[in-house]
Amino acid sequence: MAYRLVLTAEKEQSVLVLFENGVERARRDWGESRDMGRRAFESIEEVLREAGIGPEAVMSFQVISELPDSSTSRRIAETVASVYTFGVQSTAGEEASEKEAA
């Protein structure tokens, strides 16, 4: 199964959607406030749990936004995507190294 996270950050609302082979599997929406990072990470956890998958099953994480590059919400959304991707890749690399060592 190919899973993909898409975080859309707009001026009034943000939406996180988990797609499975191009079909929406889970979704979280929240209004704009000063807690984008917390809400994004909580929403990631919720959609993964709803789909019954772990972080390593997500093949890509895309941010869509028409907000200016200087927008705090956009920068936080892009940082969340980068941190998530880095964390999953780092964990996968560590697991592969452990298997090779065994």
PDB file of N, CA and C in Angstrom:
ATOM      1  N   MET A   1       0.832  -1.183   0.000  1.00  0.00           N
ATOM      2  CA  MET A   1       0.000   0.000   0.000  1.00  0.00           C
ATOM      3  C   MET A   1       0.877   1.247   0.000  1.00  0.00           C
ATOM      4  N   ALA A   2       0.512   2.218  -0.797  1.00  0.00           N
ATOM      5  CA  ALA A   2       1.251   3.479  -0.854  1.00  0.00           C
ATOM      6  C   ALA A   2       0.440   4.555  -0.149  1.00  0.00           C
ATOM      7  N   TYR A   3       0.984   5.041   0.960  1.00  0.00           N
ATOM      8  CA  TYR A   3       0.319   6.085   1.737  1.00  0.00           C
ATOM      9  C   TYR A   3       1.048   7.407   1.529  1.00  0.00           C
ATOM     10  N   ARG A   4       0.264   8.499   1.550  1.00  0.00           N
ATOM     11  CA  ARG A   4       0.834   9.836   1.363  1.00  0.00           C
ATOM     12  C   ARG A   4       0.080  10.805   2.261  1.00  0.00           C
ATOM     13  N   LEU A   5       0.814  11.668   2.953  1.00  0.00           N
ATOM     14  CA  LEU A   5       0.210  12.730   3.749  1.00  0.00           C
ATOM     15  C   LEU A   5       0.268  14.033   2.960  1.00  0.00           C
ATOM     16  N   VAL A   6      -0.834  14.780   2.993  1.00  0.00           N
ATOM     17  CA  VAL A   6      -0.873  16.098   2.347  1.00  0.00           C
ATOM     18  C   VAL A   6      -1.419  17.081   3.373  1.00  0.00           C
ATOM     19  N   LEU A   7      -0.613  18.088   3.686  1.00  0.00           N
ATOM     20  CA  LEU A   7      -1.002  19.142   4.617  1.00  0.00           C
ATOM     21  C   LEU A   7      -1.229  20.422   3.823  1.00  0.00           C
ATOM     22  N   THR A   8      -2.468  20.904   3.839  1.00  0.00           N
ATOM     23  CA  THR A   8      -2.814  22.147   3.152  1.00  0.00           C
ATOM     24  C   THR A   8      -2.947  23.238   4.206  1.00  0.00           C
ATOM     25  N   ALA A   9      -2.116  24.262   4.104  1.00  0.00           N
ATOM     26  CA  ALA A   9      -2.118  25.375   5.057  1.00  0.00           C
ATOM     27  C   ALA A   9      -2.623  26.619   4.342  1.00  0.00           C
ATOM     28  N   GLU A  10      -3.753  27.121   4.797  1.00  0.00           N
ATOM     29  CA  GLU A  10      -4.328  28.327   4.224  1.00  0.00           C
ATOM     30  C   GLU A  10      -4.548  29.362   5.324  1.00  0.00           C
ATOM     31  N   LYS A  11      -4.987  30.533   4.937  1.00  0.00           N
ATOM     32  CA  LYS A  11      -5.110  31.639   5.882  1.00  0.00           C
ATOM     33  C   LYS A  11      -6.098  31.341   7.008  1.00  0.00           C
ATOM     34  N   GLU A  12      -7.233  30.744   6.698  1.00  0.00           N
ATOM     35  CA  GLU A  12      -8.282  30.521   7.691  1.00  0.00           C
ATOM     36  C   GLU A  12      -8.332  29.102   8.246  1.00  0.00           C
ATOM     37  N   GLN A  13      -7.797  28.132   7.491  1.00  0.00           N
ATOM     38  CA  GLN A  13      -7.941  26.738   7.901  1.00  0.00           C
ATOM     39  C   GLN A  13      -6.806  25.887   7.356  1.00  0.00           C
ATOM     40  N   SER A  14      -6.483  24.823   8.107  1.00  0.00           N
ATOM     41  CA  SER A  14      -5.504  23.846   7.651  1.00  0.00           C
ATOM     42  C   SER A  14      -6.170  22.482   7.611  1.00  0.00           C
ATOM     43  N   VAL A  15      -5.691  21.637   6.695  1.00  0.00           N
ATOM     44  CA  VAL A  15      -6.257  20.312   6.509  1.00  0.00           C
ATOM     45  C   VAL A  15      -5.121  19.324   6.311  1.00  0.00           C
ATOM     46  N   LEU A  16      -5.171  18.196   7.033  1.00  0.00           N
ATOM     47  CA  LEU A  16      -4.225  17.103   6.835  1.00  0.00           C
ATOM     48  C   LEU A  16      -5.019  15.916   6.313  1.00  0.00           C
ATOM     49  N   VAL A  17      -4.586  15.354   5.191  1.00  0.00           N
ATOM     50  CA  VAL A  17      -5.272  14.211   4.599  1.00  0.00           C
ATOM     51  C   VAL A  17      -4.264  13.086   4.397  1.00  0.00           C
ATOM     52  N   LEU A  18      -4.678  11.869   4.770  1.00  0.00           N
ATOM     53  CA  LEU A  18      -3.896  10.665   4.498  1.00  0.00           C
ATOM     54  C   LEU A  18      -4.536   9.971   3.307  1.00  0.00           C
ATOM     55  N   PHE A  19      -3.752   9.786   2.252  1.00  0.00           N
ATOM     56  CA  PHE A  19      -4.219   9.092   1.058  1.00  0.00           C
ATOM     57  C   PHE A  19      -3.614   7.693   1.008  1.00  0.00           C
ATOM     58  N   GLU A  20      -4.417   6.742   0.585  1.00  0.00           N
ATOM     59  CA  GLU A  20      -3.939   5.378   0.344  1.00  0.00           C
ATOM     60  C   GLU A  20      -4.181   5.086  -1.130  1.00  0.00           C
ATOM     61  N   ASN A  21      -3.107   4.937  -1.888  1.00  0.00           N
ATOM     62  CA  ASN A  21      -3.211   4.706  -3.332  1.00  0.00           C
ATOM     63  C   ASN A  21      -4.118   5.739  -4.001  1.00  0.00           C
ATOM     64  N   GLY A  22      -3.989   7.002  -3.599  1.00  0.00           N
ATOM     65  CA  GLY A  22      -4.731   8.091  -4.210  1.00  0.00           C
ATOM     66  C   GLY A  22      -6.144   8.306  -3.680  1.00  0.00           C
ATOM     67  N   VAL A  23      -6.586   7.459  -2.749  1.00  0.00           N
ATOM     68  CA  VAL A  23      -7.928   7.575  -2.179  1.00  0.00           C
ATOM     69  C   VAL A  23      -7.824   8.114  -0.750  1.00  0.00           C
ATOM     70  N   GLU A  24      -8.645   9.123  -0.432  1.00  0.00           N
ATOM     71  CA  GLU A  24      -8.614   9.692   0.917  1.00  0.00           C
ATOM     72  C   GLU A  24      -9.008   8.630   1.933  1.00  0.00           C
ATOM     73  N   ARG A  25      -8.135   8.430   2.928  1.00  0.00           N
ATOM     74  CA  ARG A  25      -8.376   7.413   3.952  1.00  0.00           C
ATOM     75  C   ARG A  25      -8.745   8.038   5.301  1.00  0.00           C
ATOM     76  N   ALA A  26      -8.143   9.184   5.625  1.00  0.00           N
ATOM     77  CA  ALA A  26      -8.425   9.874   6.891  1.00  0.00           C
ATOM     78  C   ALA A  26      -8.128  11.353   6.698  1.00  0.00           C
ATOM     79  N   ARG A  27      -8.813  12.186   7.512  1.00  0.00           N
ATOM     80  CA  ARG A  27      -8.676  13.644   7.344  1.00  0.00           C
ATOM     81  C   ARG A  27      -8.890  14.342   8.679  1.00  0.00           C
ATOM     82  N   ARG A  28      -8.135  15.427   8.889  1.00  0.00           N
ATOM     83  CA  ARG A  28      -8.333  16.303  10.036  1.00  0.00           C
ATOM     84  C   ARG A  28      -8.281  17.741   9.547  1.00  0.00           C
ATOM     85  N   ASP A  29      -9.218  18.560  10.018  1.00  0.00           N
ATOM     86  CA  ASP A  29      -9.290  19.981   9.679  1.00  0.00           C
ATOM     87  C   ASP A  29      -9.220  20.780  10.973  1.00  0.00           C
ATOM     88  N   TRP A  30      -8.603  21.951  10.925  1.00  0.00           N
ATOM     89  CA  TRP A  30      -8.610  22.841  12.085  1.00  0.00           C
ATOM     90  C   TRP A  30      -8.492  24.288  11.620  1.00  0.00           C
ATOM     91  N   GLY A  31      -9.115  25.161  12.386  1.00  0.00           N
ATOM     92  CA  GLY A  31      -9.085  26.581  12.092  1.00  0.00           C
ATOM     93  C   GLY A  31      -7.735  27.176  12.431  1.00  0.00           C
ATOM     94  N   GLU A  32      -7.425  28.266  11.785  1.00  0.00           N
ATOM     95  CA  GLU A  32      -6.149  28.950  12.014  1.00  0.00           C
ATOM     96  C   GLU A  32      -6.068  29.471  13.442  1.00  0.00           C
ATOM     97  N   SER A  33      -4.983  29.167  14.090  1.00  0.00           N
ATOM     98  CA  SER A  33      -4.694  29.688  15.427  1.00  0.00           C
ATOM     99  C   SER A  33      -3.186  29.643  15.612  1.00  0.00           C
ATOM    100  N   ARG A  34      -2.739  29.869  16.792  1.00  0.00           N
ATOM    101  CA  ARG A  34      -1.299  29.931  17.031  1.00  0.00           C
ATOM    102  C   ARG A  34      -0.701  28.591  17.469  1.00  0.00           C
ATOM    103  N   ASP A  35      -1.310  27.500  17.044  1.00  0.00           N
ATOM    104  CA  ASP A  35      -0.811  26.187  17.463  1.00  0.00           C
ATOM    105  C   ASP A  35      -0.653  25.230  16.285  1.00  0.00           C
ATOM    106  N   MET A  36      -0.230  25.730  15.135  1.00  0.00           N
ATOM    107  CA  MET A  36      -0.096  24.922  13.926  1.00  0.00           C
ATOM    108  C   MET A  36       0.774  23.685  14.143  1.00  0.00           C
ATOM    109  N   GLY A  37       1.923  23.832  14.757  1.00  0.00           N
ATOM    110  CA  GLY A  37       2.814  22.690  14.959  1.00  0.00           C
ATOM    111  C   GLY A  37       2.164  21.605  15.793  1.00  0.00           C
ATOM    112  N   ARG A  38       1.589  21.988  16.913  1.00  0.00           N
ATOM    113  CA  ARG A  38       0.945  21.004  17.794  1.00  0.00           C
ATOM    114  C   ARG A  38      -0.213  20.328  17.079  1.00  0.00           C
ATOM    115  N   ARG A  39      -1.054  21.123  16.438  1.00  0.00           N
ATOM    116  CA  ARG A  39      -2.217  20.554  15.747  1.00  0.00           C
ATOM    117  C   ARG A  39      -1.789  19.632  14.607  1.00  0.00           C
ATOM    118  N   ALA A  40      -0.755  19.998  13.882  1.00  0.00           N
ATOM    119  CA  ALA A  40      -0.295  19.162  12.773  1.00  0.00           C
ATOM    120  C   ALA A  40       0.210  17.816  13.290  1.00  0.00           C
ATOM    121  N   PHE A  41       1.066  17.823  14.328  1.00  0.00           N
ATOM    122  CA  PHE A  41       1.594  16.559  14.853  1.00  0.00           C
ATOM    123  C   PHE A  41       0.491  15.711  15.484  1.00  0.00           C
ATOM    124  N   GLU A  42      -0.446  16.334  16.194  1.00  0.00           N
ATOM    125  CA  GLU A  42      -1.581  15.578  16.741  1.00  0.00           C
ATOM    126  C   GLU A  42      -2.415  14.960  15.629  1.00  0.00           C
ATOM    127  N   SER A  43      -2.621  15.704  14.573  1.00  0.00           N
ATOM    128  CA  SER A  43      -3.421  15.213  13.446  1.00  0.00           C
ATOM    129  C   SER A  43      -2.725  14.063  12.731  1.00  0.00           C
ATOM    130  N   ILE A  44      -1.409  14.138  12.602  1.00  0.00           N
ATOM    131  CA  ILE A  44      -0.656  13.031  12.008  1.00  0.00           C
ATOM    132  C   ILE A  44      -0.882  11.764  12.824  1.00  0.00           C
ATOM    133  N   GLU A  45      -0.717  11.877  14.120  1.00  0.00           N
ATOM    134  CA  GLU A  45      -0.914  10.722  14.991  1.00  0.00           C
ATOM    135  C   GLU A  45      -2.329  10.161  14.847  1.00  0.00           C
ATOM    136  N   GLU A  46      -3.320  11.027  14.809  1.00  0.00           N
ATOM    137  CA  GLU A  46      -4.719  10.596  14.710  1.00  0.00           C
ATOM    138  C   GLU A  46      -5.015   9.893  13.383  1.00  0.00           C
ATOM    139  N   VAL A  47      -4.554  10.440  12.261  1.00  0.00           N
ATOM    140  CA  VAL A  47      -4.872   9.809  10.970  1.00  0.00           C
ATOM    141  C   VAL A  47      -4.141   8.485  10.808  1.00  0.00           C
ATOM    142  N   LEU A  48      -2.919   8.391  11.337  1.00  0.00           N
ATOM    143  CA  LEU A  48      -2.199   7.114  11.271  1.00  0.00           C
ATOM    144  C   LEU A  48      -2.923   6.059  12.105  1.00  0.00           C
ATOM    145  N   ARG A  49      -3.344   6.445  13.300  1.00  0.00           N
ATOM    146  CA  ARG A  49      -4.068   5.519  14.175  1.00  0.00           C
ATOM    147  C   ARG A  49      -5.378   5.082  13.519  1.00  0.00           C
ATOM    148  N   GLU A  50      -6.107   6.040  12.938  1.00  0.00           N
ATOM    149  CA  GLU A  50      -7.380   5.723  12.274  1.00  0.00           C
ATOM    150  C   GLU A  50      -7.178   4.725  11.131  1.00  0.00           C
ATOM    151  N   ALA A  51      -6.082   4.879  10.397  1.00  0.00           N
ATOM    152  CA  ALA A  51      -5.792   3.978   9.269  1.00  0.00           C
ATOM    153  C   ALA A  51      -5.157   2.670   9.727  1.00  0.00           C
ATOM    154  N   GLY A  52      -4.708   2.625  10.982  1.00  0.00           N
ATOM    155  CA  GLY A  52      -4.080   1.410  11.496  1.00  0.00           C
ATOM    156  C   GLY A  52      -2.695   1.155  10.932  1.00  0.00           C
ATOM    157  N   ILE A  53      -1.960   2.228  10.662  1.00  0.00           N
ATOM    158  CA  ILE A  53      -0.607   2.090  10.112  1.00  0.00           C
ATOM    159  C   ILE A  53       0.395   2.833  10.984  1.00  0.00           C
ATOM    160  N   GLY A  54       1.657   2.524  10.788  1.00  0.00           N
ATOM    161  CA  GLY A  54       2.727   3.223  11.477  1.00  0.00           C
ATOM    162  C   GLY A  54       3.347   4.279  10.574  1.00  0.00           C
ATOM    163  N   PRO A  55       4.171   5.131  11.141  1.00  0.00           N
ATOM    164  CA  PRO A  55       4.786   6.220  10.359  1.00  0.00           C
ATOM    165  C   PRO A  55       5.597   5.733   9.159  1.00  0.00           C
ATOM    166  N   GLU A  56       6.214   4.576   9.285  1.00  0.00           N
ATOM    167  CA  GLU A  56       7.057   4.067   8.202  1.00  0.00           C
ATOM    168  C   GLU A  56       6.270   3.705   6.949  1.00  0.00           C
ATOM    169  N   ALA A  57       4.943   3.564   7.050  1.00  0.00           N
ATOM    170  CA  ALA A  57       4.109   3.227   5.890  1.00  0.00           C
ATOM    171  C   ALA A  57       3.873   4.430   4.972  1.00  0.00           C
ATOM    172  N   VAL A  58       4.138   5.635   5.468  1.00  0.00           N
ATOM    173  CA  VAL A  58       3.912   6.851   4.682  1.00  0.00           C
ATOM    174  C   VAL A  58       5.122   7.088   3.774  1.00  0.00           C
ATOM    175  N   MET A  59       4.864   7.094   2.466  1.00  0.00           N
ATOM    176  CA  MET A  59       5.946   7.224   1.494  1.00  0.00           C
ATOM    177  C   MET A  59       6.320   8.675   1.210  1.00  0.00           C
ATOM    178  N   SER A  60       5.365   9.605   1.398  1.00  0.00           N
ATOM    179  CA  SER A  60       5.680  11.012   1.140  1.00  0.00           C
ATOM    180  C   SER A  60       4.784  11.917   1.970  1.00  0.00           C
ATOM    181  N   PHE A  61       5.260  13.133   2.167  1.00  0.00           N
ATOM    182  CA  PHE A  61       4.531  14.143   2.936  1.00  0.00           C
ATOM    183  C   PHE A  61       4.654  15.438   2.156  1.00  0.00           C
ATOM    184  N   GLN A  62       3.537  15.931   1.662  1.00  0.00           N
ATOM    185  CA  GLN A  62       3.507  17.129   0.816  1.00  0.00           C
ATOM    186  C   GLN A  62       2.800  18.268   1.535  1.00  0.00           C
ATOM    187  N   VAL A  63       3.319  19.467   1.388  1.00  0.00           N
ATOM    188  CA  VAL A  63       2.670  20.667   1.910  1.00  0.00           C
ATOM    189  C   VAL A  63       2.178  21.490   0.721  1.00  0.00           C
ATOM    190  N   ILE A  64       0.910  21.874   0.791  1.00  0.00           N
ATOM    191  CA  ILE A  64       0.312  22.726  -0.239  1.00  0.00           C
ATOM    192  C   ILE A  64      -0.141  24.005   0.444  1.00  0.00           C
ATOM    193  N   SER A  65       0.265  25.148  -0.122  1.00  0.00           N
ATOM    194  CA  SER A  65      -0.138  26.421   0.465  1.00  0.00           C
ATOM    195  C   SER A  65       0.047  27.540  -0.537  1.00  0.00           C
ATOM    196  N   GLU A  66      -0.925  28.427  -0.550  1.00  0.00           N
ATOM    197  CA  GLU A  66      -0.803  29.636  -1.353  1.00  0.00           C
ATOM    198  C   GLU A  66      -0.383  30.822  -0.490  1.00  0.00           C
ATOM    199  N   LEU A  67      -0.094  30.543   0.791  1.00  0.00           N
ATOM    200  CA  LEU A  67       0.383  31.592   1.684  1.00  0.00           C
ATOM    201  C   LEU A  67       1.775  32.031   1.245  1.00  0.00           C
ATOM    202  N   PRO A  68       2.156  33.250   1.529  1.00  0.00           N
ATOM    203  CA  PRO A  68       3.504  33.701   1.168  1.00  0.00           C
ATOM    204  C   PRO A  68       4.574  32.904   1.928  1.00  0.00           C
ATOM    205  N   ASP A  69       5.754  32.826   1.333  1.00  0.00           N
ATOM    206  CA  ASP A  69       6.864  32.106   1.970  1.00  0.00           C
ATOM    207  C   ASP A  69       7.163  32.623   3.368  1.00  0.00           C
ATOM    208  N   SER A  70       6.870  33.885   3.625  1.00  0.00           N
ATOM    209  CA  SER A  70       7.149  34.486   4.930  1.00  0.00           C
ATOM    210  C   SER A  70       6.084  34.150   5.979  1.00  0.00           C
ATOM    211  N   SER A  71       5.009  33.492   5.574  1.00  0.00           N
ATOM    212  CA  SER A  71       3.927  33.162   6.500  1.00  0.00           C
ATOM    213  C   SER A  71       4.402  32.153   7.548  1.00  0.00           C
ATOM    214  N   THR A  72       4.139  32.452   8.805  1.00  0.00           N
ATOM    215  CA  THR A  72       4.538  31.553   9.895  1.00  0.00           C
ATOM    216  C   THR A  72       3.857  30.200   9.759  1.00  0.00           C
ATOM    217  N   SER A  73       2.577  30.182   9.438  1.00  0.00           N
ATOM    218  CA  SER A  73       1.861  28.901   9.288  1.00  0.00           C
ATOM    219  C   SER A  73       2.470  28.052   8.189  1.00  0.00           C
ATOM    220  N   ARG A  74       2.816  28.681   7.088  1.00  0.00           N
ATOM    221  CA  ARG A  74       3.439  27.924   5.993  1.00  0.00           C
ATOM    222  C   ARG A  74       4.798  27.370   6.419  1.00  0.00           C
ATOM    223  N   ARG A  75       5.600  28.187   7.071  1.00  0.00           N
ATOM    224  CA  ARG A  75       6.926  27.729   7.500  1.00  0.00           C
ATOM    225  C   ARG A  75       6.816  26.602   8.517  1.00  0.00           C
ATOM    226  N   ILE A  76       5.861  26.704   9.421  1.00  0.00           N
ATOM    227  CA  ILE A  76       5.666  25.632  10.409  1.00  0.00           C
ATOM    228  C   ILE A  76       5.216  24.356   9.705  1.00  0.00           C
ATOM    229  N   ALA A  77       4.281  24.466   8.764  1.00  0.00           N
ATOM    230  CA  ALA A  77       3.810  23.286   8.021  1.00  0.00           C
ATOM    231  C   ALA A  77       4.966  22.611   7.291  1.00  0.00           C
ATOM    232  N   GLU A  78       5.813  23.389   6.648  1.00  0.00           N
ATOM    233  CA  GLU A  78       6.961  22.822   5.934  1.00  0.00           C
ATOM    234  C   GLU A  78       7.964  22.193   6.894  1.00  0.00           C
ATOM    235  N   THR A  79       8.139  22.793   8.064  1.00  0.00           N
ATOM    236  CA  THR A  79       9.037  22.230   9.071  1.00  0.00           C
ATOM    237  C   THR A  79       8.487  20.911   9.612  1.00  0.00           C
ATOM    238  N   VAL A  80       7.182  20.864   9.876  1.00  0.00           N
ATOM    239  CA  VAL A  80       6.558  19.626  10.347  1.00  0.00           C
ATOM    240  C   VAL A  80       6.790  18.510   9.323  1.00  0.00           C
ATOM    241  N   ALA A  81       6.561  18.794   8.054  1.00  0.00           N
ATOM    242  CA  ALA A  81       6.766  17.790   7.006  1.00  0.00           C
ATOM    243  C   ALA A  81       8.224  17.333   6.964  1.00  0.00           C
ATOM    244  N   SER A  82       9.154  18.261   7.067  1.00  0.00           N
ATOM    245  CA  SER A  82      10.582  17.912   7.040  1.00  0.00           C
ATOM    246  C   SER A  82      10.985  17.077   8.244  1.00  0.00           C
ATOM    247  N   VAL A  83      10.529  17.475   9.414  1.00  0.00           N
ATOM    248  CA  VAL A  83      10.871  16.749  10.641  1.00  0.00           C
ATOM    249  C   VAL A  83      10.275  15.340  10.600  1.00  0.00           C
ATOM    250  N   TYR A  84       9.032  15.233  10.176  1.00  0.00           N
ATOM    251  CA  TYR A  84       8.383  13.926  10.077  1.00  0.00           C
ATOM    252  C   TYR A  84       9.156  13.022   9.115  1.00  0.00           C
ATOM    253  N   THR A  85       9.457  13.531   7.923  1.00  0.00           N
ATOM    254  CA  THR A  85      10.175  12.745   6.916  1.00  0.00           C
ATOM    255  C   THR A  85      11.549  12.335   7.424  1.00  0.00           C
ATOM    256  N   PHE A  86      12.267  13.260   8.035  1.00  0.00           N
ATOM    257  CA  PHE A  86      13.589  12.955   8.584  1.00  0.00           C
ATOM    258  C   PHE A  86      13.491  11.872   9.660  1.00  0.00           C
ATOM    259  N   GLY A  87      12.525  12.009  10.564  1.00  0.00           N
ATOM    260  CA  GLY A  87      12.364  11.042  11.640  1.00  0.00           C
ATOM    261  C   GLY A  87      12.061   9.650  11.126  1.00  0.00           C
ATOM    262  N   VAL A  88      11.185   9.550  10.146  1.00  0.00           N
ATOM    263  CA  VAL A  88      10.833   8.248   9.583  1.00  0.00           C
ATOM    264  C   VAL A  88      12.028   7.650   8.850  1.00  0.00           C
ATOM    265  N   GLN A  89      12.729   8.445   8.056  1.00  0.00           N
ATOM    266  CA  GLN A  89      13.891   7.949   7.326  1.00  0.00           C
ATOM    267  C   GLN A  89      15.006   7.535   8.269  1.00  0.00           C
ATOM    268  N   SER A  90      15.216   8.294   9.343  1.00  0.00           N
ATOM    269  CA  SER A  90      16.258   7.970  10.314  1.00  0.00           C
ATOM    270  C   SER A  90      15.941   6.657  11.009  1.00  0.00           C
ATOM    271  N   THR A  91      14.687   6.471  11.396  1.00  0.00           N
ATOM    272  CA  THR A  91      14.273   5.244  12.060  1.00  0.00           C
ATOM    273  C   THR A  91      14.426   4.053  11.127  1.00  0.00           C
ATOM    274  N   ALA A  92      14.031   4.213   9.859  1.00  0.00           N
ATOM    275  CA  ALA A  92      14.151   3.132   8.883  1.00  0.00           C
ATOM    276  C   ALA A  92      15.623   2.774   8.666  1.00  0.00           C
ATOM    277  N   GLY A  93      16.495   3.785   8.619  1.00  0.00           N
ATOM    278  CA  GLY A  93      17.931   3.544   8.458  1.00  0.00           C
ATOM    279  C   GLY A  93      18.526   2.817   9.645  1.00  0.00           C
ATOM    280  N   GLU A  94      18.105   3.184  10.855  1.00  0.00           N
ATOM    281  CA  GLU A  94      18.581   2.512  12.057  1.00  0.00           C
ATOM    282  C   GLU A  94      18.131   1.058  12.081  1.00  0.00           C
ATOM    283  N   GLU A  95      16.891   0.784  11.700  1.00  0.00           N
ATOM    284  CA  GLU A  95      16.383  -0.581  11.679  1.00  0.00           C
ATOM    285  C   GLU A  95      17.141  -1.425  10.666  1.00  0.00           C
ATOM    286  N   ALA A  96      17.448  -0.852   9.494  1.00  0.00           N
ATOM    287  CA  ALA A  96      18.200  -1.574   8.483  1.00  0.00           C
ATOM    288  C   ALA A  96      19.608  -1.886   8.987  1.00  0.00           C
ATOM    289  N   SER A  97      20.238  -0.928   9.679  1.00  0.00           N
ATOM    290  CA  SER A  97      21.583  -1.158  10.215  1.00  0.00           C
ATOM    291  C   SER A  97      21.576  -2.242  11.273  1.00  0.00           C
ATOM    292  N   GLU A  98      20.550  -2.257  12.108  1.00  0.00           N
ATOM    293  CA  GLU A  98      20.440  -3.274  13.148  1.00  0.00           C
ATOM    294  C   GLU A  98      20.271  -4.657  12.540  1.00  0.00           C
ATOM    295  N   LYS A  99      19.496  -4.765  11.450  1.00  0.00           N
ATOM    296  CA  LYS A  99      19.302  -6.053  10.782  1.00  0.00           C
ATOM    297  C   LYS A  99      20.597  -6.533  10.155  1.00  0.00           C
ATOM    298  N   GLU A 100      21.354  -5.614   9.557  1.00  0.00           N
ATOM    299  CA  GLU A 100      22.624  -5.977   8.947  1.00  0.00           C
ATOM    300  C   GLU A 100      23.625  -6.458   9.972  1.00  0.00           C
ATOM    301  N   ALA A 101      23.601  -5.849  11.152  1.00  0.00           N
ATOM    302  CA  ALA A 101      24.542  -6.208  12.214  1.00  0.00           C
ATOM    303  C   ALA A 101      24.201  -7.564  12.841  1.00  0.00           C
ATOM    304  N   ALA A 102      22.955  -7.967  12.742  1.00  0.00           N
ATOM    305  CA  ALA A 102      22.511  -9.214  13.385  1.00  0.00           C
ATOM    306  C   ALA A 102      22.937 -10.447  12.637  1.00  0.00           C
TER     307      ALA A 102
END
